[in-house]
Amino acid sequence: MQNKKPFILLFALVLVLTTVLSACGSNNNAGNNTEASNAPSEGTTEPAANDGNSEELVIKMLLVGGKPIDYDTVFGELNKKLKEKVNAAVEAEFLDWSDWTQKYPLKFAASEDFDIAYTANWAFYNDQALKGGFLELTDELLKKNMPLTWEAMPAVAWEQSKVNGKQYMVPNNNPEVTDKAVLIRDDLRKKHNLDPVNSPETFANYVKTIAANEKGINAYNAKAADGWKWHELDQILLEQQNEWNLVDYNMPLAYKLDDASGKVFNVYDTPEFKELLKYYKDLADNNAWSKNVVSNKNDVWQDMKAGKTASYAQNLGTVAMNLAELRREQPEVELAIADLTPDKKKIAAISTQNGFGIHAPSKKAERSLKVIDLLQNDKEIHDLFMYGIAGTHYEPVGDDKFNATAGTPNFTGFSNWGANSPLNRKDASFPAEADAIADAWQQKVYNFDLETFVFNDANVKNEVANIGNVMLRYAIPLEYGLIKDIDKGQADLIKQLQAAGIEKLQTELQSQIDAFLASK
């Protein structure tokens, strides 16, 4: 035993030195190994790295819309920049507009492999947040991985995008008014010596005059939706005109903007709707639109460009861009934007109008947030993601405008809007009159307690589906004035809604609104 002591002491010394050196090595890494040492929860684990980004990661994105023709070229350049800044590359999957509503929830239900998903209040955000499809984004996660966004995002935008008090989305940072406007053929208005179109009455006079005197032209046109959808004139003449807010476009329940109690009512069972039906019937009887309008699948804007349509309604940004496009391509055709409710209260889109969520099973959450941070707030990367390659897909005009090019259509039409921010460029040809309308609308934005309310339909999903079917079958033809007896049509609609469960739905909605207001 005596002979073995030196060996044992030597072994012990080596063991101590090894432990000390290992500890020193760990401490040297720990100061920078933020993603590994501070991983906030299961599902956000990423490779250990000296700076948090040492291993290149491929971040998979789920986007809505058709794949752009020049996707490979633009995302190739985008990924060069992302590699430089956060050592990541983005790989996007696109769900085409024709079937995205079916495919999107299936991707989550199957727990497919993707990290970032476009989402919005109209694109399954609340539904997937409640189902556990999105990772909860704690303040710690956001501050650590999205310093630019954390600095730039208004506090109200974070609050508006919470579900049950928790954050599941990085919302867009580009507030806009959601009201609709009408694009008209102003040359035809002038030809027939009509007053400017700025009210429901002047609009009715315009379309009836065009229908009576301009053969081969639909005075007003709209595209049929796949499933129930409030048509744009409803949103203007029912919601905007009466200063109501439809809680959810899948059901006919609303409240008055200035009603602090948030009392819900069925819009189809109101005097205002009865009067609107008379207005619609008058337009239909005077051939203001085609008898086939409810089944029209044509691109309405293309029909207008081809001289087949004299007016249509959409959001202000869309009609403004259409106006600018036709001024470039057909300067001899004069268009104008008509605001039919100029003096009414306006509602600003809440921040969940566009945004990005992190797929709950993702193992790359922190790097994904770093990517979103740059997409929204890094000028060079934002320009690439939103507009494509300068000189090819757009021509920069200063720091905040652009001109379209021949290549513009090759990188457009998909949901890059999740990165909307103050860095957005505006089309240099954006009409001055549209800017004036937008500025006026901003002055009339009405803020109210329920603007951040989100309805949870978990207890009434069957009723919501049944009511949607009733609206599709009974409400659309009635609202286009295609039902001969509108009183009977309205009574039939209400009766069918009652059979579909409208009272149960209204009770559930009112209960949630009351609880929401009580918590304020």
Protein backbone atom coordinates (compact mmCIF):
# COMPACT_ATOMS: atom_id res chain seq x y z
CA MET A 1 0.00 0.00 0.00
CA GLN A 2 2.87 2.37 0.87
CA ASN A 3 4.25 2.00 -2.67
CA LYS A 4 0.98 3.06 -4.25
CA LYS A 5 0.59 6.44 -2.46
CA PRO A 6 2.65 8.53 -4.95
CA PHE A 7 0.58 7.13 -7.81
CA ILE A 8 -2.69 7.87 -6.04
CA LEU A 9 -1.58 11.43 -5.25
CA LEU A 10 -0.51 11.96 -8.85
CA PHE A 11 -3.83 10.65 -10.12
CA ALA A 12 -5.74 12.94 -7.77
CA LEU A 13 -3.69 15.95 -8.88
CA VAL A 14 -4.40 15.20 -12.56
CA LEU A 15 -8.11 14.81 -11.80
CA VAL A 16 -8.25 18.16 -9.99
CA LEU A 17 -6.39 19.96 -12.79
CA THR A 18 -8.66 18.40 -15.40
CA THR A 19 -11.77 19.51 -13.52
CA VAL A 20 -10.43 23.05 -13.08
CA LEU A 21 -9.51 23.36 -16.75
CA SER A 22 -12.90 22.00 -17.82
CA ALA A 23 -14.65 24.48 -15.55
CA CYS A 24 -12.60 27.35 -16.98
CA GLY A 25 -13.52 26.25 -20.47
CA SER A 26 -17.21 26.11 -19.54
CA ASN A 27 -17.08 29.55 -17.94
CA ASN A 28 -15.44 31.05 -21.01
CA ASN A 29 -18.27 29.73 -23.18
CA ALA A 30 -21.07 30.50 -20.75
CA GLY A 31 -20.70 34.26 -21.13
CA ASN A 32 -21.70 34.06 -24.78
CA ASN A 33 -23.73 30.88 -24.97
CA THR A 34 -27.06 32.64 -24.59
CA GLU A 35 -29.20 30.34 -26.67
CA ALA A 36 -28.03 27.22 -24.86
CA SER A 37 -27.73 28.53 -21.29
CA ASN A 38 -30.89 30.62 -21.31
CA ALA A 39 -33.22 28.40 -23.31
CA PRO A 40 -36.55 29.49 -21.83
CA SER A 41 -38.59 26.38 -22.38
CA GLU A 42 -38.83 23.06 -24.11
CA GLY A 43 -39.29 23.55 -27.83
CA THR A 44 -36.84 26.46 -28.12
CA THR A 45 -33.59 24.50 -27.79
CA GLU A 46 -30.96 25.38 -30.38
CA PRO A 47 -27.36 24.25 -30.91
CA ALA A 48 -24.81 25.52 -28.41
CA ALA A 49 -22.86 28.41 -29.90
CA ASN A 50 -20.24 30.90 -28.81
CA ASP A 51 -22.39 33.80 -29.98
CA GLY A 52 -25.72 32.05 -30.17
CA ASN A 53 -25.49 31.81 -33.96
CA SER A 54 -22.37 29.78 -34.68
CA GLU A 55 -24.20 26.88 -36.34
CA GLU A 56 -26.05 27.82 -39.50
CA LEU A 57 -29.75 26.95 -39.28
CA VAL A 58 -32.39 26.60 -41.97
CA ILE A 59 -35.57 28.32 -40.81
CA LYS A 60 -38.70 26.98 -42.47
CA MET A 61 -41.50 29.46 -43.11
CA LEU A 62 -45.15 28.79 -43.90
CA LEU A 63 -46.58 31.59 -46.04
CA VAL A 64 -49.96 32.22 -47.62
CA GLY A 65 -50.29 33.00 -51.32
CA GLY A 66 -48.79 31.81 -54.58
CA LYS A 67 -45.07 31.17 -54.82
CA PRO A 68 -43.49 34.19 -56.57
CA ILE A 69 -41.90 33.52 -59.95
CA ASP A 70 -38.56 34.90 -58.73
CA TYR A 71 -38.66 33.27 -55.29
CA ASP A 72 -35.35 31.43 -55.75
CA THR A 73 -33.49 34.53 -56.90
CA VAL A 74 -34.80 36.88 -54.22
CA PHE A 75 -34.58 34.44 -51.33
CA GLY A 76 -31.09 33.52 -52.49
CA GLU A 77 -30.04 37.15 -51.94
CA LEU A 78 -32.07 37.36 -48.74
CA ASN A 79 -30.33 34.31 -47.33
CA LYS A 80 -26.90 35.76 -48.04
CA LYS A 81 -27.79 38.71 -45.80
CA LEU A 82 -29.38 36.53 -43.12
CA LYS A 83 -26.29 34.33 -43.03
CA GLU A 84 -24.10 37.38 -42.46
CA LYS A 85 -26.23 38.69 -39.61
CA VAL A 86 -27.71 35.67 -37.81
CA ASN A 87 -26.17 32.70 -39.66
CA ALA A 88 -29.53 31.47 -40.91
CA ALA A 89 -31.25 30.70 -44.18
CA VAL A 90 -34.99 30.86 -44.83
CA GLU A 91 -36.86 28.20 -46.77
CA ALA A 92 -40.49 29.06 -47.52
CA GLU A 93 -43.50 26.93 -48.33
CA PHE A 94 -46.42 28.69 -50.00
CA LEU A 95 -50.09 27.78 -49.57
CA ASP A 96 -51.94 28.96 -52.65
CA TRP A 97 -54.90 31.29 -52.27
CA SER A 98 -57.21 28.71 -53.82
CA ASP A 99 -56.92 26.21 -50.97
CA TRP A 100 -54.92 27.75 -48.13
CA THR A 101 -57.89 27.77 -45.73
CA GLN A 102 -58.06 23.99 -45.96
CA LYS A 103 -54.32 23.28 -45.88
CA TYR A 104 -53.22 25.77 -43.21
CA PRO A 105 -54.90 24.15 -40.18
CA LEU A 106 -53.92 20.68 -41.41
CA LYS A 107 -50.25 21.67 -41.28
CA PHE A 108 -50.64 22.43 -37.58
CA ALA A 109 -52.81 19.41 -36.84
CA ALA A 110 -50.17 17.13 -38.39
CA SER A 111 -47.39 18.94 -36.50
CA GLU A 112 -45.44 19.34 -39.74
CA ASP A 113 -41.89 20.63 -39.71
CA PHE A 114 -41.87 24.43 -39.94
CA ASP A 115 -40.66 27.19 -37.63
CA ILE A 116 -42.33 30.47 -38.64
CA ALA A 117 -45.91 30.78 -39.87
CA TYR A 118 -47.69 33.80 -41.28
CA THR A 119 -50.82 34.41 -39.24
CA ALA A 120 -53.48 37.07 -38.75
CA ASN A 121 -56.85 37.70 -37.15
CA TRP A 122 -58.35 36.50 -40.44
CA ALA A 123 -55.80 33.67 -40.85
CA PHE A 124 -56.31 31.31 -37.90
CA TYR A 125 -54.28 33.24 -35.31
CA ASN A 126 -56.72 33.04 -32.43
CA ASP A 127 -57.74 29.50 -33.32
CA GLN A 128 -54.18 28.14 -33.42
CA ALA A 129 -53.10 30.10 -30.35
CA LEU A 130 -55.90 28.49 -28.34
CA LYS A 131 -55.10 25.05 -29.74
CA GLY A 132 -51.43 25.27 -28.79
CA GLY A 133 -50.20 25.64 -32.35
CA PHE A 134 -48.05 28.68 -31.53
CA LEU A 135 -45.26 29.03 -28.99
CA GLU A 136 -45.88 31.51 -26.18
CA LEU A 137 -43.55 34.48 -26.66
CA THR A 138 -42.47 35.69 -23.25
CA ASP A 139 -41.02 39.14 -22.68
CA GLU A 140 -37.69 37.45 -21.97
CA LEU A 141 -37.71 35.69 -25.34
CA LEU A 142 -38.69 38.86 -27.19
CA LYS A 143 -36.23 41.20 -25.50
CA LYS A 144 -33.35 38.78 -25.95
CA ASN A 145 -33.94 37.78 -29.57
CA MET A 146 -35.83 40.75 -31.03
CA PRO A 147 -34.12 43.90 -29.73
CA LEU A 148 -35.08 45.98 -32.79
CA THR A 149 -38.72 44.92 -32.63
CA TRP A 150 -38.89 45.37 -28.87
CA GLU A 151 -37.66 48.95 -29.31
CA ALA A 152 -39.88 49.82 -32.30
CA MET A 153 -43.18 48.08 -31.54
CA PRO A 154 -45.81 50.23 -29.77
CA ALA A 155 -46.97 48.73 -26.47
CA VAL A 156 -50.57 48.77 -27.72
CA ALA A 157 -49.62 46.46 -30.60
CA TRP A 158 -48.34 43.83 -28.16
CA GLU A 159 -51.48 44.17 -26.06
CA GLN A 160 -53.79 43.87 -29.07
CA SER A 161 -52.14 40.64 -30.19
CA LYS A 162 -52.41 38.75 -26.90
CA VAL A 163 -54.77 35.79 -26.53
CA ASN A 164 -56.00 35.16 -23.01
CA GLY A 165 -53.29 37.49 -21.74
CA LYS A 166 -50.44 35.66 -23.48
CA GLN A 167 -48.35 36.60 -26.52
CA TYR A 168 -48.26 34.19 -29.46
CA MET A 169 -47.54 36.52 -32.36
CA VAL A 170 -45.03 39.09 -33.51
CA PRO A 171 -47.59 41.52 -34.98
CA ASN A 172 -46.98 43.86 -37.85
CA ASN A 173 -46.06 47.43 -36.97
CA ASN A 174 -47.98 49.38 -39.58
CA PRO A 175 -51.39 50.59 -38.40
CA GLU A 176 -54.00 51.25 -41.07
CA VAL A 177 -57.68 52.09 -41.30
CA THR A 178 -59.73 49.14 -42.53
CA ASP A 179 -62.64 51.00 -44.14
CA LYS A 180 -63.57 50.24 -47.74
CA ALA A 181 -63.88 52.67 -50.64
CA VAL A 182 -65.23 52.47 -54.18
CA LEU A 183 -63.22 52.88 -57.38
CA ILE A 184 -65.27 54.47 -60.17
CA ARG A 185 -64.87 55.49 -63.81
CA ASP A 186 -64.73 59.22 -63.27
CA ASP A 187 -64.65 59.88 -67.01
CA LEU A 188 -68.09 58.26 -67.28
CA ARG A 189 -69.34 60.28 -64.32
CA LYS A 190 -68.26 63.48 -66.04
CA LYS A 191 -69.65 62.31 -69.39
CA HIS A 192 -73.13 62.10 -67.83
CA ASN A 193 -72.78 65.32 -65.77
CA LEU A 194 -73.18 63.55 -62.45
CA ASP A 195 -72.29 64.94 -59.04
CA PRO A 196 -69.10 63.66 -57.37
CA VAL A 197 -69.66 60.27 -55.75
CA ASN A 198 -69.32 60.77 -51.99
CA SER A 199 -72.40 59.22 -50.40
CA PRO A 200 -74.73 56.23 -50.76
CA GLU A 201 -77.18 58.45 -52.68
CA THR A 202 -74.65 59.79 -55.21
CA PHE A 203 -73.27 56.28 -55.70
CA ALA A 204 -76.76 54.93 -56.46
CA ASN A 205 -77.30 57.71 -58.99
CA TYR A 206 -73.96 56.93 -60.62
CA VAL A 207 -74.46 53.18 -61.07
CA LYS A 208 -78.08 53.51 -62.22
CA THR A 209 -77.06 56.13 -64.80
CA ILE A 210 -74.20 54.00 -66.11
CA ALA A 211 -76.44 50.93 -66.29
CA ALA A 212 -79.04 52.84 -68.31
CA ASN A 213 -76.65 54.52 -70.74
CA GLU A 214 -73.46 52.48 -71.14
CA LYS A 215 -74.09 49.19 -72.90
CA GLY A 216 -71.75 46.28 -72.30
CA ILE A 217 -70.53 47.64 -68.96
CA ASN A 218 -71.48 46.35 -65.53
CA ALA A 219 -72.08 49.50 -63.49
CA TYR A 220 -70.88 47.71 -60.34
CA ASN A 221 -69.19 44.35 -60.03
CA ALA A 222 -67.96 42.01 -57.32
CA LYS A 223 -66.33 38.60 -57.16
CA ALA A 224 -68.14 35.72 -55.50
CA ALA A 225 -66.42 34.29 -52.45
CA ASP A 226 -65.70 30.63 -51.81
CA GLY A 227 -68.06 30.34 -48.87
CA TRP A 228 -69.73 33.11 -46.89
CA LYS A 229 -68.24 36.59 -47.10
CA TRP A 230 -69.75 40.01 -46.39
CA HIS A 231 -69.55 41.80 -49.71
CA GLU A 232 -67.72 45.09 -49.68
CA LEU A 233 -70.82 47.25 -50.14
CA ASP A 234 -72.24 45.69 -46.97
CA GLN A 235 -69.15 46.74 -45.08
CA ILE A 236 -69.53 50.28 -46.41
CA LEU A 237 -73.30 50.76 -46.29
CA LEU A 238 -74.17 48.63 -43.27
CA GLU A 239 -71.14 48.66 -40.99
CA GLN A 240 -69.38 51.94 -41.80
CA GLN A 241 -72.51 53.96 -42.50
CA ASN A 242 -74.14 52.98 -39.19
CA GLU A 243 -70.91 53.09 -37.14
CA TRP A 244 -71.25 49.45 -36.13
CA ASN A 245 -68.57 46.84 -35.62
CA LEU A 246 -69.23 43.33 -36.86
CA VAL A 247 -67.53 41.20 -34.23
CA ASP A 248 -66.61 38.42 -36.63
CA TYR A 249 -67.27 38.30 -40.37
CA ASN A 250 -68.51 34.72 -40.02
CA MET A 251 -71.67 35.85 -38.26
CA PRO A 252 -74.18 38.74 -38.43
CA LEU A 253 -73.65 40.02 -34.88
CA ALA A 254 -72.48 43.54 -34.14
CA TYR A 255 -72.47 46.34 -31.57
CA LYS A 256 -72.45 50.12 -31.87
CA LEU A 257 -68.97 51.64 -31.70
CA ASP A 258 -69.96 54.17 -29.05
CA ASP A 259 -71.95 51.70 -26.91
CA ALA A 260 -69.78 51.26 -23.83
CA SER A 261 -71.91 48.30 -22.73
CA GLY A 262 -71.12 46.35 -25.91
CA LYS A 263 -74.71 45.17 -26.41
CA VAL A 264 -74.78 42.70 -29.31
CA PHE A 265 -77.56 42.57 -31.90
CA ASN A 266 -78.37 40.66 -35.08
CA VAL A 267 -77.82 43.11 -37.93
CA TYR A 268 -80.29 41.23 -40.12
CA ASP A 269 -83.06 42.03 -37.65
CA THR A 270 -82.67 45.81 -37.63
CA PRO A 271 -84.51 48.71 -39.33
CA GLU A 272 -81.18 49.77 -40.89
CA PHE A 273 -80.86 46.45 -42.69
CA LYS A 274 -84.46 46.61 -43.91
CA GLU A 275 -83.78 50.06 -45.41
CA LEU A 276 -80.56 48.80 -47.01
CA LEU A 277 -82.46 45.95 -48.66
CA LYS A 278 -84.71 48.53 -50.34
CA TYR A 279 -81.59 50.35 -51.54
CA TYR A 280 -80.11 47.12 -52.95
CA LYS A 281 -83.41 46.11 -54.58
CA ASP A 282 -83.60 49.47 -56.32
CA LEU A 283 -80.07 49.04 -57.68
CA ALA A 284 -80.73 45.48 -58.82
CA ASP A 285 -84.02 46.43 -60.51
CA ASN A 286 -82.14 49.16 -62.38
CA ASN A 287 -79.49 46.69 -63.56
CA ALA A 288 -76.70 48.21 -61.50
CA TRP A 289 -75.06 44.76 -61.44
CA SER A 290 -75.39 41.50 -63.30
CA LYS A 291 -77.99 38.96 -62.22
CA ASN A 292 -75.05 36.53 -62.08
CA VAL A 293 -73.03 38.64 -59.63
CA VAL A 294 -73.35 36.06 -56.83
CA SER A 295 -71.54 33.46 -58.96
CA ASN A 296 -69.06 35.72 -60.73
CA LYS A 297 -65.55 34.23 -60.60
CA ASN A 298 -63.86 36.82 -62.80
CA ASP A 299 -61.07 39.03 -61.55
CA VAL A 300 -63.09 42.23 -61.11
CA TRP A 301 -60.07 44.50 -61.48
CA GLN A 302 -59.10 42.87 -64.76
CA ASP A 303 -62.67 43.38 -65.96
CA MET A 304 -62.43 47.03 -65.01
CA LYS A 305 -59.14 47.39 -66.87
CA ALA A 306 -60.82 45.83 -69.90
CA GLY A 307 -63.65 48.38 -69.77
CA LYS A 308 -66.28 45.87 -68.66
CA THR A 309 -66.90 47.30 -65.19
CA ALA A 310 -67.54 50.86 -64.04
CA SER A 311 -67.04 50.48 -60.27
CA TYR A 312 -66.05 48.07 -57.54
CA ALA A 313 -65.28 48.30 -53.81
CA GLN A 314 -62.20 47.28 -51.84
CA ASN A 315 -59.85 48.56 -49.16
CA LEU A 316 -58.27 51.93 -49.79
CA GLY A 317 -54.77 50.63 -50.46
CA THR A 318 -55.97 48.22 -53.12
CA VAL A 319 -58.10 50.70 -55.05
CA ALA A 320 -55.31 53.27 -54.85
CA MET A 321 -52.78 50.86 -56.34
CA ASN A 322 -55.29 49.91 -59.03
CA LEU A 323 -55.78 53.57 -59.87
CA ALA A 324 -52.02 54.09 -60.11
CA GLU A 325 -51.66 51.02 -62.33
CA LEU A 326 -54.27 52.19 -64.81
CA ARG A 327 -52.78 55.68 -64.92
CA ARG A 328 -49.53 54.08 -66.06
CA GLU A 329 -51.10 51.69 -68.54
CA GLN A 330 -54.20 53.55 -69.80
CA PRO A 331 -53.76 57.26 -69.03
CA GLU A 332 -56.75 58.08 -71.24
CA VAL A 333 -59.09 56.33 -68.74
CA GLU A 334 -59.93 58.49 -65.73
CA LEU A 335 -60.64 56.80 -62.39
CA ALA A 336 -61.52 58.24 -58.99
CA ILE A 337 -61.72 56.93 -55.43
CA ALA A 338 -65.12 57.45 -53.85
CA ASP A 339 -65.49 57.52 -50.06
CA LEU A 340 -69.18 56.89 -49.41
CA THR A 341 -68.97 57.47 -45.63
CA PRO A 342 -66.55 60.41 -45.28
CA ASP A 343 -67.98 61.77 -42.02
CA LYS A 344 -68.34 58.53 -40.10
CA LYS A 345 -66.15 57.09 -37.36
CA LYS A 346 -63.27 54.96 -38.62
CA ILE A 347 -61.82 51.75 -37.21
CA ALA A 348 -58.08 51.16 -37.34
CA ALA A 349 -56.88 47.64 -37.98
CA ILE A 350 -55.55 46.05 -34.83
CA SER A 351 -52.01 44.78 -34.94
CA THR A 352 -53.09 41.19 -35.65
CA GLN A 353 -54.08 42.22 -39.18
CA ASN A 354 -50.74 40.66 -40.18
CA GLY A 355 -47.97 38.94 -38.26
CA PHE A 356 -45.77 35.91 -37.67
CA GLY A 357 -46.02 33.17 -35.08
CA ILE A 358 -43.53 30.50 -34.04
CA HIS A 359 -44.71 26.93 -34.50
CA ALA A 360 -44.92 25.41 -31.02
CA PRO A 361 -42.81 22.27 -31.81
CA SER A 362 -40.00 24.30 -33.41
CA LYS A 363 -36.49 23.67 -32.06
CA LYS A 364 -35.27 26.87 -33.69
CA ALA A 365 -37.51 29.41 -31.99
CA GLU A 366 -34.81 31.85 -30.87
CA ARG A 367 -33.12 32.03 -34.26
CA SER A 368 -36.53 32.30 -35.91
CA LEU A 369 -37.31 35.35 -33.77
CA LYS A 370 -33.97 36.86 -34.76
CA VAL A 371 -34.91 36.38 -38.41
CA ILE A 372 -38.32 38.04 -37.92
CA ASP A 373 -36.57 40.89 -36.08
CA LEU A 374 -34.50 41.59 -39.19
CA LEU A 375 -37.34 41.06 -41.68
CA GLN A 376 -39.32 43.76 -39.91
CA ASN A 377 -36.60 46.21 -38.85
CA ASP A 378 -33.38 45.84 -40.86
CA LYS A 379 -33.70 48.16 -43.88
CA GLU A 380 -31.69 46.06 -46.33
CA ILE A 381 -33.34 42.78 -45.39
CA HIS A 382 -36.81 44.35 -45.14
CA ASP A 383 -36.51 45.76 -48.67
CA LEU A 384 -35.50 42.38 -50.06
CA PHE A 385 -38.31 40.50 -48.35
CA MET A 386 -40.99 43.06 -49.17
CA TYR A 387 -40.02 44.27 -52.63
CA GLY A 388 -37.38 41.96 -54.10
CA ILE A 389 -34.14 43.01 -55.75
CA ALA A 390 -33.61 46.72 -56.36
CA GLY A 391 -33.33 47.49 -60.06
CA THR A 392 -35.13 44.27 -60.99
CA HIS A 393 -38.35 44.08 -59.02
CA TYR A 394 -38.57 47.72 -58.00
CA GLU A 395 -36.75 50.99 -58.43
CA PRO A 396 -35.93 52.70 -55.11
CA VAL A 397 -37.02 56.33 -54.81
CA GLY A 398 -35.23 57.73 -51.79
CA ASP A 399 -35.55 55.71 -48.59
CA ASP A 400 -39.31 55.38 -48.41
CA LYS A 401 -40.75 55.13 -51.92
CA PHE A 402 -40.40 52.93 -54.98
CA ASN A 403 -41.38 52.75 -58.61
CA ALA A 404 -42.73 49.55 -60.09
CA THR A 405 -40.75 47.88 -62.87
CA ALA A 406 -41.45 45.22 -65.47
CA GLY A 407 -40.20 42.68 -62.93
CA THR A 408 -42.52 43.77 -60.11
CA PRO A 409 -45.17 41.09 -60.83
CA ASN A 410 -42.51 38.40 -60.46
CA PHE A 411 -42.18 39.00 -56.72
CA THR A 412 -45.57 39.79 -55.29
CA GLY A 413 -48.87 38.28 -54.16
CA PHE A 414 -47.86 36.46 -50.98
CA SER A 415 -48.03 37.17 -47.26
CA ASN A 416 -44.81 39.07 -46.67
CA TRP A 417 -47.12 41.58 -44.96
CA GLY A 418 -46.23 39.98 -41.64
CA ALA A 419 -43.11 42.15 -41.82
CA ASN A 420 -45.04 45.40 -42.38
CA SER A 421 -43.30 48.15 -40.42
CA PRO A 422 -42.38 51.85 -40.54
CA LEU A 423 -39.69 50.81 -43.06
CA ASN A 424 -42.33 50.03 -45.69
CA ARG A 425 -41.89 51.87 -48.96
CA LYS A 426 -44.84 53.53 -50.66
CA ASP A 427 -45.34 53.36 -54.40
CA ALA A 428 -44.16 56.73 -55.72
CA SER A 429 -47.18 56.70 -58.01
CA PHE A 430 -49.57 56.20 -55.07
CA PRO A 431 -52.33 58.70 -55.82
CA ALA A 432 -52.28 61.94 -53.86
CA GLU A 433 -56.05 61.71 -53.42
CA ALA A 434 -55.67 58.34 -51.69
CA ASP A 435 -53.14 59.85 -49.32
CA ALA A 436 -55.57 62.65 -48.59
CA ILE A 437 -58.38 60.17 -47.83
CA ALA A 438 -56.07 58.08 -45.61
CA ASP A 439 -54.98 61.18 -43.70
CA ALA A 440 -58.59 62.24 -43.19
CA TRP A 441 -59.51 58.75 -42.00
CA GLN A 442 -56.69 58.74 -39.47
CA GLN A 443 -58.20 61.86 -37.93
CA LYS A 444 -61.51 60.02 -37.51
CA VAL A 445 -60.17 56.80 -35.97
CA TYR A 446 -62.36 55.86 -33.03
CA ASN A 447 -60.75 53.86 -30.24
CA PHE A 448 -63.01 51.77 -28.01
CA ASP A 449 -62.58 49.10 -25.35
CA LEU A 450 -63.76 46.23 -27.54
CA GLU A 451 -61.34 46.87 -30.40
CA THR A 452 -58.99 44.24 -28.93
CA PHE A 453 -61.73 41.73 -28.13
CA VAL A 454 -61.35 38.34 -29.84
CA PHE A 455 -64.25 35.89 -29.85
CA ASN A 456 -63.54 32.29 -28.86
CA ASP A 457 -66.02 30.09 -30.74
CA ALA A 458 -64.93 26.82 -29.08
CA ASN A 459 -68.35 26.31 -27.46
CA VAL A 460 -70.39 27.18 -30.56
CA LYS A 461 -68.44 25.88 -33.54
CA ASN A 462 -71.43 23.97 -34.93
CA GLU A 463 -73.64 27.04 -34.67
CA VAL A 464 -71.03 29.22 -36.40
CA ALA A 465 -70.77 26.71 -39.27
CA ASN A 466 -74.53 26.37 -39.60
CA ILE A 467 -75.04 30.13 -39.56
CA GLY A 468 -72.40 30.56 -42.24
CA ASN A 469 -74.29 28.15 -44.47
CA VAL A 470 -77.54 30.02 -43.89
CA MET A 471 -75.93 33.35 -44.74
CA LEU A 472 -74.45 31.90 -47.90
CA ARG A 473 -77.79 30.50 -49.07
CA TYR A 474 -80.24 33.16 -47.91
CA ALA A 475 -78.36 36.42 -47.25
CA ILE A 476 -76.25 36.84 -50.40
CA PRO A 477 -79.08 36.82 -52.96
CA LEU A 478 -81.18 38.99 -50.65
CA GLU A 479 -78.40 41.56 -50.31
CA TYR A 480 -77.92 41.73 -54.06
CA GLY A 481 -81.62 42.49 -54.51
CA LEU A 482 -82.28 39.22 -56.34
CA ILE A 483 -85.20 38.17 -54.08
CA LYS A 484 -88.51 39.55 -55.39
CA ASP A 485 -90.21 39.93 -52.01
CA ILE A 486 -87.56 41.40 -49.71
CA ASP A 487 -89.81 41.39 -46.63
CA LYS A 488 -90.39 37.67 -47.01
CA GLY A 489 -86.71 37.16 -47.83
CA GLN A 490 -85.67 38.93 -44.63
CA ALA A 491 -88.19 36.94 -42.57
CA ASP A 492 -86.96 33.66 -44.09
CA LEU A 493 -83.35 34.61 -43.36
CA ILE A 494 -84.09 35.37 -39.70
CA LYS A 495 -86.12 32.18 -39.32
CA GLN A 496 -83.29 30.07 -40.75
CA LEU A 497 -80.73 31.80 -38.52
CA GLN A 498 -82.83 30.97 -35.48
CA ALA A 499 -82.97 27.32 -36.54
CA ALA A 500 -79.19 27.37 -37.02
CA GLY A 501 -78.61 28.54 -33.42
CA ILE A 502 -78.18 32.32 -33.68
CA GLU A 503 -79.61 32.87 -30.18
CA LYS A 504 -77.16 30.45 -28.57
CA LEU A 505 -74.31 32.09 -30.47
CA GLN A 506 -75.43 35.58 -29.47
CA THR A 507 -75.69 34.55 -25.81
CA GLU A 508 -72.17 33.09 -25.87
CA LEU A 509 -70.77 36.15 -27.58
CA GLN A 510 -72.48 38.55 -25.16
CA SER A 511 -71.17 36.56 -22.21
CA GLN A 512 -67.60 36.83 -23.47
CA ILE A 513 -67.96 40.55 -24.23
CA ASP A 514 -69.38 41.22 -20.76
CA ALA A 515 -66.48 39.34 -19.15
CA PHE A 516 -63.97 41.19 -21.32
CA LEU A 517 -65.36 44.60 -20.41
CA ALA A 518 -65.54 43.67 -16.73
CA SER A 519 -61.84 42.87 -16.78
CA LYS A 520 -60.85 46.25 -18.21
